[in-house]
Amino acid sequence: MANANEFELVIYNQEDRLTVAQILVKNGYTVAQGKRKKTESGKQLDYFLKVSQDAENADTSR
């Protein structure tokens, strides 16, 4: 991770990832989806949300 205001959430279910992303965006976070090989063979993947906090993002939860 680039800085302390960034983190990753590993969430395998796509519907759950989208729900969590929606909540985070509404609360002023920047969110991106990603995937990476879990093993060298690449047969298993980790799906995750990369989340960062930015003071300039709008908190639209109100």
C-alpha atoms as a PDB file:
ATOM      1  CA  MET A   1       0.000   0.000   0.000  1.00  0.00           C
ATOM      2  CA  ALA A   2       1.146   3.509  -0.774  1.00  0.00           C
ATOM      3  CA  ASN A   3       0.107   5.216   2.469  1.00  0.00           C
ATOM      4  CA  ALA A   4      -1.578   4.641   5.817  1.00  0.00           C
ATOM      5  CA  ASN A   5      -4.918   5.917   4.480  1.00  0.00           C
ATOM      6  CA  GLU A   6      -5.242   2.969   2.070  1.00  0.00           C
ATOM      7  CA  PHE A   7      -6.352  -0.559   2.840  1.00  0.00           C
ATOM      8  CA  GLU A   8      -7.696  -3.676   1.131  1.00  0.00           C
ATOM      9  CA  LEU A   9     -10.776  -5.706   1.982  1.00  0.00           C
ATOM     10  CA  VAL A  10     -10.828  -9.255   0.619  1.00  0.00           C
ATOM     11  CA  ILE A  11     -14.451 -10.104  -0.234  1.00  0.00           C
ATOM     12  CA  TYR A  12     -15.040 -13.112  -2.498  1.00  0.00           C
ATOM     13  CA  ASN A  13     -18.751 -12.699  -3.221  1.00  0.00           C
ATOM     14  CA  GLN A  14     -19.345 -10.128  -5.982  1.00  0.00           C
ATOM     15  CA  GLU A  15     -22.698  -8.955  -4.614  1.00  0.00           C
ATOM     16  CA  ASP A  16     -21.139  -8.386  -1.188  1.00  0.00           C
ATOM     17  CA  ARG A  17     -18.200  -6.471  -2.742  1.00  0.00           C
ATOM     18  CA  LEU A  18     -20.588  -4.177  -4.596  1.00  0.00           C
ATOM     19  CA  THR A  19     -22.696  -3.571  -1.487  1.00  0.00           C
ATOM     20  CA  VAL A  20     -19.645  -2.719   0.640  1.00  0.00           C
ATOM     21  CA  ALA A  21     -18.229  -0.506  -2.153  1.00  0.00           C
ATOM     22  CA  GLN A  22     -21.506   1.402  -2.361  1.00  0.00           C
ATOM     23  CA  ILE A  23     -21.525   2.045   1.393  1.00  0.00           C
ATOM     24  CA  LEU A  24     -17.893   3.201   1.366  1.00  0.00           C
ATOM     25  CA  VAL A  25     -18.405   5.541  -1.609  1.00  0.00           C
ATOM     26  CA  LYS A  26     -21.457   7.097   0.056  1.00  0.00           C
ATOM     27  CA  ASN A  27     -19.269   7.792   3.097  1.00  0.00           C
ATOM     28  CA  GLY A  28     -16.556   9.609   1.176  1.00  0.00           C
ATOM     29  CA  TYR A  29     -14.042   6.845   0.379  1.00  0.00           C
ATOM     30  CA  THR A  30     -12.422   6.123  -2.973  1.00  0.00           C
ATOM     31  CA  VAL A  31     -12.946   2.465  -3.919  1.00  0.00           C
ATOM     32  CA  ALA A  32     -11.519   0.251  -6.664  1.00  0.00           C
ATOM     33  CA  GLN A  33     -12.066  -3.459  -7.289  1.00  0.00           C
ATOM     34  CA  GLY A  34      -9.148  -5.759  -7.927  1.00  0.00           C
ATOM     35  CA  LYS A  35      -8.135  -9.370  -8.286  1.00  0.00           C
ATOM     36  CA  ARG A  36      -4.823 -11.178  -8.088  1.00  0.00           C
ATOM     37  CA  LYS A  37      -3.533 -14.702  -8.275  1.00  0.00           C
ATOM     38  CA  LYS A  38      -3.700 -16.425  -4.911  1.00  0.00           C
ATOM     39  CA  THR A  39      -1.041 -18.951  -5.981  1.00  0.00           C
ATOM     40  CA  GLU A  40       1.660 -19.124  -8.655  1.00  0.00           C
ATOM     41  CA  SER A  41      -0.472 -21.458 -10.792  1.00  0.00           C
ATOM     42  CA  GLY A  42      -3.177 -18.787 -10.890  1.00  0.00           C
ATOM     43  CA  LYS A  43      -6.005 -21.289 -10.453  1.00  0.00           C
ATOM     44  CA  GLN A  44      -7.334 -19.417  -7.435  1.00  0.00           C
ATOM     45  CA  LEU A  45      -7.909 -15.667  -7.267  1.00  0.00           C
ATOM     46  CA  ASP A  46      -8.307 -13.173  -4.441  1.00  0.00           C
ATOM     47  CA  TYR A  47     -10.989 -10.554  -5.110  1.00  0.00           C
ATOM     48  CA  PHE A  48     -10.682  -7.368  -3.102  1.00  0.00           C
ATOM     49  CA  LEU A  49     -11.641  -3.748  -2.694  1.00  0.00           C
ATOM     50  CA  LYS A  50      -8.833  -1.208  -2.516  1.00  0.00           C
ATOM     51  CA  VAL A  51     -10.071   1.618  -0.313  1.00  0.00           C
ATOM     52  CA  SER A  52      -8.518   5.004   0.314  1.00  0.00           C
ATOM     53  CA  GLN A  53      -9.561   7.920   2.443  1.00  0.00           C
ATOM     54  CA  ASP A  54      -9.309  11.345   0.826  1.00  0.00           C
ATOM     55  CA  ALA A  55     -10.240  14.549   2.653  1.00  0.00           C
ATOM     56  CA  GLU A  56     -11.525  16.038  -0.623  1.00  0.00           C
ATOM     57  CA  ASN A  57     -14.096  13.275  -1.201  1.00  0.00           C
ATOM     58  CA  ALA A  58     -17.678  14.184  -0.479  1.00  0.00           C
ATOM     59  CA  ASP A  59     -19.423  12.454   2.417  1.00  0.00           C
ATOM     60  CA  THR A  60     -22.860  11.901   0.878  1.00  0.00           C
ATOM     61  CA  SER A  61     -24.255   9.751   3.678  1.00  0.00           C
ATOM     62  CA  ARG A  62     -26.257  12.666   5.110  1.00  0.00           C
END
